[in-house]
């Protein structure tokens, strides 16, 4: 939504997720409160709909993002990655716009 965020690509995450404090700083509206299953166990959080994620020249509209106070890093998950071309070869990950 125009706020710079450093993302860690997480191909195993179903949602893109950001720490709650990053969401507040970015002005992202907290949506529906939810219980989440994370790699670290259950966590209370929220879902926000209709967000925009920009990566370089790419813009992805309408992305669902989850927010959690326990999350330490922003995760770029399937809610955004499924709308891009993603491939990995060795230690190189390629992400580009789907044509």
C-alpha atoms as a PDB file:
ATOM      1  CA  UNK A   1       0.000   0.000   0.000  1.00  0.00           C
ATOM      2  CA  UNK A   2       2.953   2.314  -0.647  1.00  0.00           C
ATOM      3  CA  UNK A   3       4.816   1.595   2.602  1.00  0.00           C
ATOM      4  CA  UNK A   4       8.236  -0.064   2.090  1.00  0.00           C
ATOM      5  CA  UNK A   5       8.485  -3.549   3.606  1.00  0.00           C
ATOM      6  CA  UNK A   6      11.337  -6.054   3.393  1.00  0.00           C
ATOM      7  CA  UNK A   7       9.765  -9.452   2.645  1.00  0.00           C
ATOM      8  CA  UNK A   8      11.087 -12.945   3.178  1.00  0.00           C
ATOM      9  CA  UNK A   9       9.720 -15.267   0.487  1.00  0.00           C
ATOM     10  CA  UNK A  10       7.951 -18.194   2.169  1.00  0.00           C
ATOM     11  CA  UNK A  11       6.728 -20.698  -0.405  1.00  0.00           C
ATOM     12  CA  UNK A  12       5.160 -22.754   2.393  1.00  0.00           C
ATOM     13  CA  UNK A  13       2.996 -19.924   3.755  1.00  0.00           C
ATOM     14  CA  UNK A  14      -0.625 -19.834   2.596  1.00  0.00           C
ATOM     15  CA  UNK A  15      -0.919 -16.094   3.246  1.00  0.00           C
ATOM     16  CA  UNK A  16       1.379 -13.167   3.003  1.00  0.00           C
ATOM     17  CA  UNK A  17       1.861 -12.015   6.587  1.00  0.00           C
ATOM     18  CA  UNK A  18       3.296  -9.005   8.345  1.00  0.00           C
ATOM     19  CA  UNK A  19       3.993  -8.109  11.954  1.00  0.00           C
ATOM     20  CA  UNK A  20       1.173  -6.108  13.565  1.00  0.00           C
ATOM     21  CA  UNK A  21       3.453  -3.108  14.209  1.00  0.00           C
ATOM     22  CA  UNK A  22       4.389  -2.971  10.495  1.00  0.00           C
ATOM     23  CA  UNK A  23       0.685  -3.078   9.602  1.00  0.00           C
ATOM     24  CA  UNK A  24       0.003  -0.117  11.906  1.00  0.00           C
ATOM     25  CA  UNK A  25       2.934   1.873  10.462  1.00  0.00           C
ATOM     26  CA  UNK A  26       1.773   1.102   6.915  1.00  0.00           C
ATOM     27  CA  UNK A  27      -1.799   2.182   7.664  1.00  0.00           C
ATOM     28  CA  UNK A  28      -3.220  -1.259   6.847  1.00  0.00           C
ATOM     29  CA  UNK A  29      -6.728  -1.702   8.181  1.00  0.00           C
ATOM     30  CA  UNK A  30      -7.128  -4.615  10.567  1.00  0.00           C
ATOM     31  CA  UNK A  31      -9.923  -6.779   9.269  1.00  0.00           C
ATOM     32  CA  UNK A  32     -11.332  -9.995  10.692  1.00  0.00           C
ATOM     33  CA  UNK A  33      -9.792 -11.394  13.907  1.00  0.00           C
ATOM     34  CA  UNK A  34      -8.611 -14.986  13.402  1.00  0.00           C
ATOM     35  CA  UNK A  35      -6.686 -17.809  15.045  1.00  0.00           C
ATOM     36  CA  UNK A  36      -3.731 -18.792  12.843  1.00  0.00           C
ATOM     37  CA  UNK A  37      -1.681 -21.955  12.610  1.00  0.00           C
ATOM     38  CA  UNK A  38       1.959 -20.955  12.216  1.00  0.00           C
ATOM     39  CA  UNK A  39       5.266 -22.768  12.204  1.00  0.00           C
ATOM     40  CA  UNK A  40       5.571 -21.693  15.849  1.00  0.00           C
ATOM     41  CA  UNK A  41       2.066 -22.881  16.822  1.00  0.00           C
ATOM     42  CA  UNK A  42      -1.292 -21.132  17.194  1.00  0.00           C
ATOM     43  CA  UNK A  43      -1.406 -17.344  17.209  1.00  0.00           C
ATOM     44  CA  UNK A  44      -4.094 -14.674  17.418  1.00  0.00           C
ATOM     45  CA  UNK A  45      -4.076 -12.284  14.487  1.00  0.00           C
ATOM     46  CA  UNK A  46      -6.176 -10.558  11.866  1.00  0.00           C
ATOM     47  CA  UNK A  47      -6.807 -10.675   8.122  1.00  0.00           C
ATOM     48  CA  UNK A  48      -6.887  -7.649   5.861  1.00  0.00           C
ATOM     49  CA  UNK A  49      -8.240  -7.736   2.312  1.00  0.00           C
ATOM     50  CA  UNK A  50      -7.654  -5.618  -0.771  1.00  0.00           C
ATOM     51  CA  UNK A  51      -4.019  -4.691  -0.175  1.00  0.00           C
ATOM     52  CA  UNK A  52      -1.481  -3.769  -2.838  1.00  0.00           C
ATOM     53  CA  UNK A  53       1.979  -5.346  -2.882  1.00  0.00           C
ATOM     54  CA  UNK A  54       4.618  -3.858  -5.169  1.00  0.00           C
ATOM     55  CA  UNK A  55       7.812  -5.712  -6.010  1.00  0.00           C
ATOM     56  CA  UNK A  56      10.061  -3.700  -8.278  1.00  0.00           C
ATOM     57  CA  UNK A  57       7.877  -2.703 -11.235  1.00  0.00           C
ATOM     58  CA  UNK A  58       5.254  -5.372 -10.401  1.00  0.00           C
ATOM     59  CA  UNK A  59       2.025  -4.412  -8.674  1.00  0.00           C
ATOM     60  CA  UNK A  60      -0.311  -7.015  -7.227  1.00  0.00           C
ATOM     61  CA  UNK A  61      -3.742  -5.696  -6.269  1.00  0.00           C
ATOM     62  CA  UNK A  62      -6.282  -7.220  -3.912  1.00  0.00           C
ATOM     63  CA  UNK A  63      -3.874  -9.296  -1.812  1.00  0.00           C
ATOM     64  CA  UNK A  64      -5.060 -10.876   1.431  1.00  0.00           C
ATOM     65  CA  UNK A  65      -2.550 -10.230   4.223  1.00  0.00           C
ATOM     66  CA  UNK A  66      -2.545 -11.686   7.712  1.00  0.00           C
ATOM     67  CA  UNK A  67      -1.149  -9.750  10.663  1.00  0.00           C
ATOM     68  CA  UNK A  68       0.210 -11.089  13.921  1.00  0.00           C
ATOM     69  CA  UNK A  69       1.882  -9.458  16.918  1.00  0.00           C
ATOM     70  CA  UNK A  70       4.107 -12.564  17.270  1.00  0.00           C
ATOM     71  CA  UNK A  71       5.521 -12.378  13.754  1.00  0.00           C
ATOM     72  CA  UNK A  72       9.075 -11.019  13.561  1.00  0.00           C
ATOM     73  CA  UNK A  73       9.437 -10.654   9.784  1.00  0.00           C
ATOM     74  CA  UNK A  74       7.129 -10.023   6.810  1.00  0.00           C
ATOM     75  CA  UNK A  75       6.436 -13.200   4.824  1.00  0.00           C
ATOM     76  CA  UNK A  76       5.534 -13.131   1.133  1.00  0.00           C
ATOM     77  CA  UNK A  77       3.300 -16.202   0.869  1.00  0.00           C
ATOM     78  CA  UNK A  78       0.909 -17.884  -1.546  1.00  0.00           C
ATOM     79  CA  UNK A  79      -1.734 -15.131  -1.389  1.00  0.00           C
ATOM     80  CA  UNK A  80       0.708 -13.053  -3.484  1.00  0.00           C
ATOM     81  CA  UNK A  81       3.036 -15.682  -5.000  1.00  0.00           C
ATOM     82  CA  UNK A  82       0.197 -17.575  -6.709  1.00  0.00           C
ATOM     83  CA  UNK A  83      -0.324 -14.494  -8.838  1.00  0.00           C
ATOM     84  CA  UNK A  84       3.303 -14.467 -10.058  1.00  0.00           C
ATOM     85  CA  UNK A  85       5.638 -16.780 -11.921  1.00  0.00           C
ATOM     86  CA  UNK A  86       8.034 -18.276  -9.359  1.00  0.00           C
ATOM     87  CA  UNK A  87      10.850 -20.708 -10.146  1.00  0.00           C
ATOM     88  CA  UNK A  88      13.957 -21.845  -8.343  1.00  0.00           C
ATOM     89  CA  UNK A  89      17.141 -23.302  -9.739  1.00  0.00           C
ATOM     90  CA  UNK A  90      19.898 -23.976  -7.239  1.00  0.00           C
ATOM     91  CA  UNK A  91      20.294 -20.875  -5.111  1.00  0.00           C
ATOM     92  CA  UNK A  92      18.468 -18.554  -7.550  1.00  0.00           C
ATOM     93  CA  UNK A  93      14.786 -17.687  -7.099  1.00  0.00           C
ATOM     94  CA  UNK A  94      13.068 -15.945 -10.022  1.00  0.00           C
ATOM     95  CA  UNK A  95       9.848 -13.991  -9.434  1.00  0.00           C
ATOM     96  CA  UNK A  96       8.171 -12.226 -12.327  1.00  0.00           C
ATOM     97  CA  UNK A  97       4.799 -11.053 -13.520  1.00  0.00           C
ATOM     98  CA  UNK A  98       2.522 -13.672 -15.049  1.00  0.00           C
ATOM     99  CA  UNK A  99       1.850 -12.726 -18.644  1.00  0.00           C
END
